[in-house]
Amino acid sequence: MYRIIIADDEAIECRALELMIQREFPELEVLP
């Protein structure tokens, strides 16, 4: 399983990316 991290100074952008990744790539582990 691949682990992915998102770095962005806008929390809403981070959350949107997290949700898209979790929906489209459930095999990825999204880190905080």
Full PDB file with SEQRES, HELIX, SHEET, SSBOND, CRYST1, ORIGX, SCALE, CONECT and MASTER records, all heavy atoms in Angstrom:
SEQRES   1 A   32  MET TYR ARG ILE ILE ILE ALA ASP ASP GLU ALA ILE GLU          
SEQRES   2 A   32  CYS ARG ALA LEU GLU LEU MET ILE GLN ARG GLU PHE PRO          
SEQRES   3 A   32  GLU LEU GLU VAL LEU PRO                                      
HELIX    1 AA1 ALA A   11  GLU A   24  1                                  14    
SHEET    1 AA1 2 ARG A   3  ILE A   4  0                                        
SHEET    2 AA1 2 GLU A  29  VAL A  30  1                                        
CRYST1    1.000    1.000    1.000  90.00  90.00  90.00 P 1           1          
ORIGX1      1.000000  0.000000  0.000000        0.00000                         
ORIGX2      0.000000  1.000000  0.000000        0.00000                         
ORIGX3      0.000000  0.000000  1.000000        0.00000                         
SCALE1      1.000000  0.000000  0.000000        0.00000                         
SCALE2      0.000000  1.000000  0.000000        0.00000                         
SCALE3      0.000000  0.000000  1.000000        0.00000                         
ATOM      1  N   MET A   1       0.848  -1.183   0.000  1.00  0.00           N  
ATOM      2  CA  MET A   1       0.000   0.000   0.000  1.00  0.00           C  
ATOM      3  C   MET A   1       0.888   1.239   0.000  1.00  0.00           C  
ATOM      4  O   MET A   1       1.809   1.345   0.791  1.00  0.00           O  
ATOM      5  CB  MET A   1      -0.898  -0.006   1.234  1.00  0.00           C  
ATOM      6  CG  MET A   1      -1.683   1.272   1.390  1.00  0.00           C  
ATOM      7  SD  MET A   1      -2.731   1.368   2.844  1.00  0.00           S  
ATOM      8  CE  MET A   1      -3.987   0.200   2.411  1.00  0.00           C  
ATOM      9  N   TYR A   2       0.590   2.151  -0.899  1.00  0.00           N  
ATOM     10  CA  TYR A   2       1.326   3.409  -0.950  1.00  0.00           C  
ATOM     11  C   TYR A   2       0.745   4.389   0.055  1.00  0.00           C  
ATOM     12  O   TYR A   2      -0.453   4.423   0.302  1.00  0.00           O  
ATOM     13  CB  TYR A   2       1.260   4.020  -2.350  1.00  0.00           C  
ATOM     14  CG  TYR A   2       2.060   3.262  -3.356  1.00  0.00           C  
ATOM     15  CD1 TYR A   2       1.439   2.468  -4.310  1.00  0.00           C  
ATOM     16  CD2 TYR A   2       3.444   3.336  -3.366  1.00  0.00           C  
ATOM     17  CE1 TYR A   2       2.184   1.764  -5.240  1.00  0.00           C  
ATOM     18  CE2 TYR A   2       4.196   2.638  -4.293  1.00  0.00           C  
ATOM     19  CZ  TYR A   2       3.554   1.858  -5.231  1.00  0.00           C  
ATOM     20  OH  TYR A   2       4.292   1.164  -6.142  1.00  0.00           O  
ATOM     21  N   ARG A   3       1.637   5.213   0.600  1.00  0.00           N  
ATOM     22  CA  ARG A   3       1.242   6.247   1.562  1.00  0.00           C  
ATOM     23  C   ARG A   3       1.450   7.601   0.900  1.00  0.00           C  
ATOM     24  O   ARG A   3       2.493   7.857   0.309  1.00  0.00           O  
ATOM     25  CB  ARG A   3       2.092   6.122   2.810  1.00  0.00           C  
ATOM     26  CG  ARG A   3       1.939   4.758   3.470  1.00  0.00           C  
ATOM     27  CD  ARG A   3       3.005   4.538   4.478  1.00  0.00           C  
ATOM     28  NE  ARG A   3       2.885   5.595   5.475  1.00  0.00           N  
ATOM     29  CZ  ARG A   3       3.040   5.418   6.763  1.00  0.00           C  
ATOM     30  NH1 ARG A   3       3.377   4.259   7.223  1.00  0.00           N  
ATOM     31  NH2 ARG A   3       2.898   6.408   7.594  1.00  0.00           N  
ATOM     32  N   ILE A   4       0.461   8.478   1.038  1.00  0.00           N  
ATOM     33  CA  ILE A   4       0.509   9.785   0.384  1.00  0.00           C  
ATOM     34  C   ILE A   4       0.309  10.882   1.416  1.00  0.00           C  
ATOM     35  O   ILE A   4      -0.476  10.744   2.354  1.00  0.00           O  
ATOM     36  CB  ILE A   4      -0.552   9.864  -0.739  1.00  0.00           C  
ATOM     37  CG1 ILE A   4      -0.410  11.132  -1.555  1.00  0.00           C  
ATOM     38  CG2 ILE A   4      -1.949   9.725  -0.196  1.00  0.00           C  
ATOM     39  CD1 ILE A   4      -1.214  11.124  -2.837  1.00  0.00           C  
ATOM     40  N   ILE A   5       1.058  11.979   1.224  1.00  0.00           N  
ATOM     41  CA  ILE A   5       0.910  13.141   2.103  1.00  0.00           C  
ATOM     42  C   ILE A   5       0.603  14.362   1.247  1.00  0.00           C  
ATOM     43  O   ILE A   5       1.097  14.479   0.118  1.00  0.00           O  
ATOM     44  CB  ILE A   5       2.173  13.368   2.961  1.00  0.00           C  
ATOM     45  CG1 ILE A   5       1.900  14.420   4.038  1.00  0.00           C  
ATOM     46  CG2 ILE A   5       3.373  13.739   2.116  1.00  0.00           C  
ATOM     47  CD1 ILE A   5       2.907  14.407   5.150  1.00  0.00           C  
ATOM     48  N   ILE A   6      -0.221  15.240   1.769  1.00  0.00           N  
ATOM     49  CA  ILE A   6      -0.610  16.464   1.071  1.00  0.00           C  
ATOM     50  C   ILE A   6      -0.118  17.650   1.890  1.00  0.00           C  
ATOM     51  O   ILE A   6      -0.340  17.711   3.105  1.00  0.00           O  
ATOM     52  CB  ILE A   6      -2.141  16.545   0.893  1.00  0.00           C  
ATOM     53  CG1 ILE A   6      -2.628  15.335   0.074  1.00  0.00           C  
ATOM     54  CG2 ILE A   6      -2.551  17.862   0.244  1.00  0.00           C  
ATOM     55  CD1 ILE A   6      -4.116  15.126   0.117  1.00  0.00           C  
ATOM     56  N   ALA A   7       0.555  18.585   1.219  1.00  0.00           N  
ATOM     57  CA  ALA A   7       1.046  19.795   1.880  1.00  0.00           C  
ATOM     58  C   ALA A   7       0.507  21.013   1.134  1.00  0.00           C  
ATOM     59  O   ALA A   7       0.821  21.224  -0.034  1.00  0.00           O  
ATOM     60  CB  ALA A   7       2.570  19.813   1.887  1.00  0.00           C  
ATOM     61  N   ASP A   8      -0.317  21.777   1.814  1.00  0.00           N  
ATOM     62  CA  ASP A   8      -0.898  22.991   1.227  1.00  0.00           C  
ATOM     63  C   ASP A   8      -1.309  23.896   2.380  1.00  0.00           C  
ATOM     64  O   ASP A   8      -1.799  23.413   3.402  1.00  0.00           O  
ATOM     65  CB  ASP A   8      -2.112  22.634   0.363  1.00  0.00           C  
ATOM     66  CG  ASP A   8      -2.574  23.780  -0.517  1.00  0.00           C  
ATOM     67  OD1 ASP A   8      -2.715  24.914  -0.008  1.00  0.00           O  
ATOM     68  OD2 ASP A   8      -2.795  23.558  -1.716  1.00  0.00           O  
ATOM     69  N   ASP A   9      -1.116  25.196   2.220  1.00  0.00           N  
ATOM     70  CA  ASP A   9      -1.451  26.118   3.304  1.00  0.00           C  
ATOM     71  C   ASP A   9      -2.947  26.408   3.409  1.00  0.00           C  
ATOM     72  O   ASP A   9      -3.371  27.094   4.337  1.00  0.00           O  
ATOM     73  CB  ASP A   9      -0.654  27.420   3.191  1.00  0.00           C  
ATOM     74  CG  ASP A   9      -0.865  28.132   1.872  1.00  0.00           C  
ATOM     75  OD1 ASP A   9      -1.143  27.464   0.863  1.00  0.00           O  
ATOM     76  OD2 ASP A   9      -0.734  29.366   1.843  1.00  0.00           O  
ATOM     77  N   GLU A  10      -3.751  25.867   2.517  1.00  0.00           N  
ATOM     78  CA  GLU A  10      -5.198  26.061   2.575  1.00  0.00           C  
ATOM     79  C   GLU A  10      -5.855  24.744   2.981  1.00  0.00           C  
ATOM     80  O   GLU A  10      -5.835  23.760   2.233  1.00  0.00           O  
ATOM     81  CB  GLU A  10      -5.720  26.526   1.230  1.00  0.00           C  
ATOM     82  CG  GLU A  10      -5.025  27.799   0.780  1.00  0.00           C  
ATOM     83  CD  GLU A  10      -5.935  28.765   0.108  1.00  0.00           C  
ATOM     84  OE1 GLU A  10      -7.163  28.588   0.173  1.00  0.00           O  
ATOM     85  OE2 GLU A  10      -5.402  29.702  -0.483  1.00  0.00           O  
ATOM     86  N   ALA A  11      -6.432  24.716   4.165  1.00  0.00           N  
ATOM     87  CA  ALA A  11      -7.010  23.488   4.718  1.00  0.00           C  
ATOM     88  C   ALA A  11      -8.101  22.914   3.824  1.00  0.00           C  
ATOM     89  O   ALA A  11      -8.217  21.694   3.678  1.00  0.00           O  
ATOM     90  CB  ALA A  11      -7.552  23.752   6.120  1.00  0.00           C  
ATOM     91  N   ILE A  12      -8.904  23.784   3.210  1.00  0.00           N  
ATOM     92  CA  ILE A  12      -9.991  23.286   2.361  1.00  0.00           C  
ATOM     93  C   ILE A  12      -9.443  22.560   1.129  1.00  0.00           C  
ATOM     94  O   ILE A  12     -10.011  21.572   0.677  1.00  0.00           O  
ATOM     95  CB  ILE A  12     -10.966  24.418   1.968  1.00  0.00           C  
ATOM     96  CG1 ILE A  12     -12.247  23.822   1.402  1.00  0.00           C  
ATOM     97  CG2 ILE A  12     -10.322  25.394   1.004  1.00  0.00           C  
ATOM     98  CD1 ILE A  12     -13.404  24.794   1.349  1.00  0.00           C  
ATOM     99  N   GLU A  13      -8.310  23.018   0.613  1.00  0.00           N  
ATOM    100  CA  GLU A  13      -7.666  22.349  -0.524  1.00  0.00           C  
ATOM    101  C   GLU A  13      -7.166  20.964  -0.100  1.00  0.00           C  
ATOM    102  O   GLU A  13      -7.314  19.985  -0.833  1.00  0.00           O  
ATOM    103  CB  GLU A  13      -6.503  23.175  -1.057  1.00  0.00           C  
ATOM    104  CG  GLU A  13      -6.897  24.515  -1.631  1.00  0.00           C  
ATOM    105  CD  GLU A  13      -7.653  24.395  -2.944  1.00  0.00           C  
ATOM    106  OE1 GLU A  13      -7.482  23.382  -3.653  1.00  0.00           O  
ATOM    107  OE2 GLU A  13      -8.407  25.322  -3.256  1.00  0.00           O  
ATOM    108  N   CYS A  14      -6.564  20.907   1.067  1.00  0.00           N  
ATOM    109  CA  CYS A  14      -6.082  19.618   1.579  1.00  0.00           C  
ATOM    110  C   CYS A  14      -7.240  18.642   1.731  1.00  0.00           C  
ATOM    111  O   CYS A  14      -7.150  17.484   1.305  1.00  0.00           O  
ATOM    112  CB  CYS A  14      -5.382  19.800   2.924  1.00  0.00           C  
ATOM    113  SG  CYS A  14      -3.789  20.620   2.819  1.00  0.00           S  
ATOM    114  N   ARG A  15      -8.303  19.100   2.338  1.00  0.00           N  
ATOM    115  CA  ARG A  15      -9.457  18.222   2.574  1.00  0.00           C  
ATOM    116  C   ARG A  15     -10.074  17.751   1.262  1.00  0.00           C  
ATOM    117  O   ARG A  15     -10.440  16.579   1.132  1.00  0.00           O  
ATOM    118  CB  ARG A  15     -10.496  18.935   3.438  1.00  0.00           C  
ATOM    119  CG  ARG A  15     -11.609  18.049   3.885  1.00  0.00           C  
ATOM    120  CD  ARG A  15     -11.089  16.949   4.811  1.00  0.00           C  
ATOM    121  NE  ARG A  15     -12.188  16.062   5.138  1.00  0.00           N  
ATOM    122  CZ  ARG A  15     -12.105  14.744   5.197  1.00  0.00           C  
ATOM    123  NH1 ARG A  15     -10.953  14.145   5.004  1.00  0.00           N  
ATOM    124  NH2 ARG A  15     -13.141  14.021   5.486  1.00  0.00           N  
ATOM    125  N   ALA A  16     -10.191  18.638   0.284  1.00  0.00           N  
ATOM    126  CA  ALA A  16     -10.754  18.251  -1.013  1.00  0.00           C  
ATOM    127  C   ALA A  16      -9.883  17.189  -1.685  1.00  0.00           C  
ATOM    128  O   ALA A  16     -10.406  16.193  -2.211  1.00  0.00           O  
ATOM    129  CB  ALA A  16     -10.890  19.474  -1.911  1.00  0.00           C  
ATOM    130  N   LEU A  17      -8.585  17.376  -1.664  1.00  0.00           N  
ATOM    131  CA  LEU A  17      -7.680  16.383  -2.243  1.00  0.00           C  
ATOM    132  C   LEU A  17      -7.762  15.050  -1.494  1.00  0.00           C  
ATOM    133  O   LEU A  17      -7.770  13.984  -2.115  1.00  0.00           O  
ATOM    134  CB  LEU A  17      -6.246  16.902  -2.236  1.00  0.00           C  
ATOM    135  CG  LEU A  17      -5.912  17.929  -3.305  1.00  0.00           C  
ATOM    136  CD1 LEU A  17      -4.558  18.567  -3.024  1.00  0.00           C  
ATOM    137  CD2 LEU A  17      -5.917  17.290  -4.680  1.00  0.00           C  
ATOM    138  N   GLU A  18      -7.808  15.111  -0.170  1.00  0.00           N  
ATOM    139  CA  GLU A  18      -7.941  13.890   0.629  1.00  0.00           C  
ATOM    140  C   GLU A  18      -9.180  13.102   0.217  1.00  0.00           C  
ATOM    141  O   GLU A  18      -9.114  11.883  -0.004  1.00  0.00           O  
ATOM    142  CB  GLU A  18      -8.037  14.219   2.116  1.00  0.00           C  
ATOM    143  CG  GLU A  18      -6.765  14.696   2.741  1.00  0.00           C  
ATOM    144  CD  GLU A  18      -6.978  15.208   4.162  1.00  0.00           C  
ATOM    145  OE1 GLU A  18      -8.127  15.152   4.680  1.00  0.00           O  
ATOM    146  OE2 GLU A  18      -5.993  15.671   4.761  1.00  0.00           O  
ATOM    147  N   LEU A  19     -10.304  13.786   0.110  1.00  0.00           N  
ATOM    148  CA  LEU A  19     -11.559  13.117  -0.236  1.00  0.00           C  
ATOM    149  C   LEU A  19     -11.514  12.526  -1.640  1.00  0.00           C  
ATOM    150  O   LEU A  19     -11.974  11.398  -1.860  1.00  0.00           O  
ATOM    151  CB  LEU A  19     -12.736  14.084  -0.094  1.00  0.00           C  
ATOM    152  CG  LEU A  19     -13.076  14.513   1.331  1.00  0.00           C  
ATOM    153  CD1 LEU A  19     -14.139  15.600   1.325  1.00  0.00           C  
ATOM    154  CD2 LEU A  19     -13.525  13.318   2.152  1.00  0.00           C  
ATOM    155  N   MET A  20     -10.970  13.273  -2.595  1.00  0.00           N  
ATOM    156  CA  MET A  20     -10.873  12.759  -3.966  1.00  0.00           C  
ATOM    157  C   MET A  20      -9.974  11.530  -4.026  1.00  0.00           C  
ATOM    158  O   MET A  20     -10.301  10.536  -4.687  1.00  0.00           O  
ATOM    159  CB  MET A  20     -10.349  13.840  -4.914  1.00  0.00           C  
ATOM    160  CG  MET A  20     -11.366  14.903  -5.232  1.00  0.00           C  
ATOM    161  SD  MET A  20     -10.871  16.020  -6.557  1.00  0.00           S  
ATOM    162  CE  MET A  20      -9.427  16.800  -5.866  1.00  0.00           C  
ATOM    163  N   ILE A  21      -8.855  11.583  -3.354  1.00  0.00           N  
ATOM    164  CA  ILE A  21      -7.917  10.454  -3.369  1.00  0.00           C  
ATOM    165  C   ILE A  21      -8.545   9.234  -2.696  1.00  0.00           C  
ATOM    166  O   ILE A  21      -8.462   8.112  -3.218  1.00  0.00           O  
ATOM    167  CB  ILE A  21      -6.589  10.841  -2.698  1.00  0.00           C  
ATOM    168  CG1 ILE A  21      -5.854  11.859  -3.574  1.00  0.00           C  
ATOM    169  CG2 ILE A  21      -5.728   9.610  -2.443  1.00  0.00           C  
ATOM    170  CD1 ILE A  21      -4.706  12.558  -2.883  1.00  0.00           C  
ATOM    171  N   GLN A  22      -9.185   9.434  -1.565  1.00  0.00           N  
ATOM    172  CA  GLN A  22      -9.812   8.309  -0.866  1.00  0.00           C  
ATOM    173  C   GLN A  22     -10.921   7.678  -1.693  1.00  0.00           C  
ATOM    174  O   GLN A  22     -11.099   6.458  -1.681  1.00  0.00           O  
ATOM    175  CB  GLN A  22     -10.347   8.765   0.489  1.00  0.00           C  
ATOM    176  CG  GLN A  22      -9.250   9.062   1.479  1.00  0.00           C  
ATOM    177  CD  GLN A  22      -9.743   9.760   2.724  1.00  0.00           C  
ATOM    178  OE1 GLN A  22     -10.818  10.358   2.753  1.00  0.00           O  
ATOM    179  NE2 GLN A  22      -8.942   9.717   3.782  1.00  0.00           N  
ATOM    180  N   ARG A  23     -11.659   8.493  -2.438  1.00  0.00           N  
ATOM    181  CA  ARG A  23     -12.752   7.978  -3.264  1.00  0.00           C  
ATOM    182  C   ARG A  23     -12.223   7.244  -4.492  1.00  0.00           C  
ATOM    183  O   ARG A  23     -12.673   6.156  -4.821  1.00  0.00           O  
ATOM    184  CB  ARG A  23     -13.674   9.123  -3.687  1.00  0.00           C  
ATOM    185  CG  ARG A  23     -14.899   8.632  -4.477  1.00  0.00           C  
ATOM    186  CD  ARG A  23     -15.811   9.763  -4.928  1.00  0.00           C  
ATOM    187  NE  ARG A  23     -15.097  10.606  -5.881  1.00  0.00           N  
ATOM    188  CZ  ARG A  23     -14.936  11.908  -5.779  1.00  0.00           C  
ATOM    189  NH1 ARG A  23     -15.442  12.554  -4.757  1.00  0.00           N  
ATOM    190  NH2 ARG A  23     -14.287  12.599  -6.683  1.00  0.00           N  
ATOM    191  N   GLU A  24     -11.248   7.830  -5.171  1.00  0.00           N  
ATOM    192  CA  GLU A  24     -10.757   7.267  -6.434  1.00  0.00           C  
ATOM    193  C   GLU A  24      -9.669   6.214  -6.258  1.00  0.00           C  
ATOM    194  O   GLU A  24      -9.492   5.356  -7.128  1.00  0.00           O  
ATOM    195  CB  GLU A  24     -10.241   8.391  -7.329  1.00  0.00           C  
ATOM    196  CG  GLU A  24     -11.287   9.412  -7.716  1.00  0.00           C  
ATOM    197  CD  GLU A  24     -12.425   8.819  -8.545  1.00  0.00           C  
ATOM    198  OE1 GLU A  24     -12.174   7.897  -9.344  1.00  0.00           O  
ATOM    199  OE2 GLU A  24     -13.573   9.285  -8.382  1.00  0.00           O  
ATOM    200  N   PHE A  25      -8.924   6.278  -5.171  1.00  0.00           N  
ATOM    201  CA  PHE A  25      -7.812   5.360  -4.935  1.00  0.00           C  
ATOM    202  C   PHE A  25      -7.883   4.814  -3.508  1.00  0.00           C  
ATOM    203  O   PHE A  25      -7.037   5.133  -2.667  1.00  0.00           O  
ATOM    204  CB  PHE A  25      -6.472   6.071  -5.173  1.00  0.00           C  
ATOM    205  CG  PHE A  25      -6.358   6.693  -6.531  1.00  0.00           C  
ATOM    206  CD1 PHE A  25      -6.608   8.053  -6.713  1.00  0.00           C  
ATOM    207  CD2 PHE A  25      -6.013   5.923  -7.627  1.00  0.00           C  
ATOM    208  CE1 PHE A  25      -6.505   8.623  -7.971  1.00  0.00           C  
ATOM    209  CE2 PHE A  25      -5.905   6.483  -8.884  1.00  0.00           C  
ATOM    210  CZ  PHE A  25      -6.159   7.839  -9.065  1.00  0.00           C  
ATOM    211  N   PRO A  26      -8.854   3.975  -3.210  1.00  0.00           N  
ATOM    212  CA  PRO A  26      -9.023   3.499  -1.840  1.00  0.00           C  
ATOM    213  C   PRO A  26      -7.837   2.673  -1.335  1.00  0.00           C  
ATOM    214  O   PRO A  26      -7.680   2.506  -0.125  1.00  0.00           O  
ATOM    215  CB  PRO A  26     -10.301   2.657  -1.901  1.00  0.00           C  
ATOM    216  CG  PRO A  26     -10.474   2.312  -3.340  1.00  0.00           C  
ATOM    217  CD  PRO A  26      -9.844   3.423  -4.119  1.00  0.00           C  
ATOM    218  N   GLU A  27      -7.000   2.196  -2.240  1.00  0.00           N  
ATOM    219  CA  GLU A  27      -5.845   1.406  -1.820  1.00  0.00           C  
ATOM    220  C   GLU A  27      -4.715   2.277  -1.263  1.00  0.00           C  
ATOM    221  O   GLU A  27      -3.775   1.756  -0.663  1.00  0.00           O  
ATOM    222  CB  GLU A  27      -5.323   0.539  -2.981  1.00  0.00           C  
ATOM    223  CG  GLU A  27      -4.695   1.318  -4.113  1.00  0.00           C  
ATOM    224  CD  GLU A  27      -5.678   1.907  -5.124  1.00  0.00           C  
ATOM    225  OE1 GLU A  27      -6.902   1.839  -4.946  1.00  0.00           O  
ATOM    226  OE2 GLU A  27      -5.191   2.457  -6.125  1.00  0.00           O  
ATOM    227  N   LEU A  28      -4.777   3.593  -1.463  1.00  0.00           N  
ATOM    228  CA  LEU A  28      -3.761   4.499  -0.925  1.00  0.00           C  
ATOM    229  C   LEU A  28      -4.092   4.870   0.522  1.00  0.00           C  
ATOM    230  O   LEU A  28      -5.249   5.074   0.875  1.00  0.00           O  
ATOM    231  CB  LEU A  28      -3.689   5.787  -1.743  1.00  0.00           C  
ATOM    232  CG  LEU A  28      -3.167   5.680  -3.171  1.00  0.00           C  
ATOM    233  CD1 LEU A  28      -3.211   7.040  -3.835  1.00  0.00           C  
ATOM    234  CD2 LEU A  28      -1.767   5.133  -3.197  1.00  0.00           C  
ATOM    235  N   GLU A  29      -3.062   4.975   1.333  1.00  0.00           N  
ATOM    236  CA  GLU A  29      -3.230   5.463   2.705  1.00  0.00           C  
ATOM    237  C   GLU A  29      -2.920   6.955   2.715  1.00  0.00           C  
ATOM    238  O   GLU A  29      -1.797   7.361   2.409  1.00  0.00           O  
ATOM    239  CB  GLU A  29      -2.275   4.738   3.654  1.00  0.00           C  
ATOM    240  CG  GLU A  29      -2.366   5.233   5.071  1.00  0.00           C  
ATOM    241  CD  GLU A  29      -1.337   4.603   5.991  1.00  0.00           C  
ATOM    242  OE1 GLU A  29      -0.621   3.670   5.561  1.00  0.00           O  
ATOM    243  OE2 GLU A  29      -1.240   5.057   7.141  1.00  0.00           O  
ATOM    244  N   VAL A  30      -3.915   7.772   3.021  1.00  0.00           N  
ATOM    245  CA  VAL A  30      -3.734   9.219   3.058  1.00  0.00           C  
ATOM    246  C   VAL A  30      -3.289   9.609   4.462  1.00  0.00           C  
ATOM    247  O   VAL A  30      -4.013   9.416   5.436  1.00  0.00           O  
ATOM    248  CB  VAL A  30      -5.021   9.970   2.662  1.00  0.00           C  
ATOM    249  CG1 VAL A  30      -4.803  11.469   2.720  1.00  0.00           C  
ATOM    250  CG2 VAL A  30      -5.482   9.547   1.276  1.00  0.00           C  
ATOM    251  N   LEU A  31      -2.091  10.148   4.551  1.00  0.00           N  
ATOM    252  CA  LEU A  31      -1.521  10.581   5.831  1.00  0.00           C  
ATOM    253  C   LEU A  31      -2.098  11.943   6.222  1.00  0.00           C  
ATOM    254  O   LEU A  31      -2.650  12.655   5.374  1.00  0.00           O  
ATOM    255  CB  LEU A  31      -0.004  10.662   5.704  1.00  0.00           C  
ATOM    256  CG  LEU A  31       0.694   9.345   5.363  1.00  0.00           C  
ATOM    257  CD1 LEU A  31       2.153   9.587   5.034  1.00  0.00           C  
ATOM    258  CD2 LEU A  31       0.547   8.362   6.500  1.00  0.00           C  
ATOM    259  N   PRO A  32      -1.951  12.342   7.472  1.00  0.00           N  
ATOM    260  CA  PRO A  32      -2.440  13.665   7.883  1.00  0.00           C  
ATOM    261  C   PRO A  32      -1.779  14.780   7.065  1.00  0.00           C  
ATOM    262  O   PRO A  32      -0.566  14.773   6.861  1.00  0.00           O  
ATOM    263  CB  PRO A  32      -2.033  13.758   9.353  1.00  0.00           C  
ATOM    264  CG  PRO A  32      -1.871  12.346   9.796  1.00  0.00           C  
ATOM    265  CD  PRO A  32      -1.388  11.588   8.592  1.00  0.00           C  
TER     266      PRO A  32                                                      
MASTER        0    0    0    1    2    0    0    6  265    1    0    3          
END                                                                             
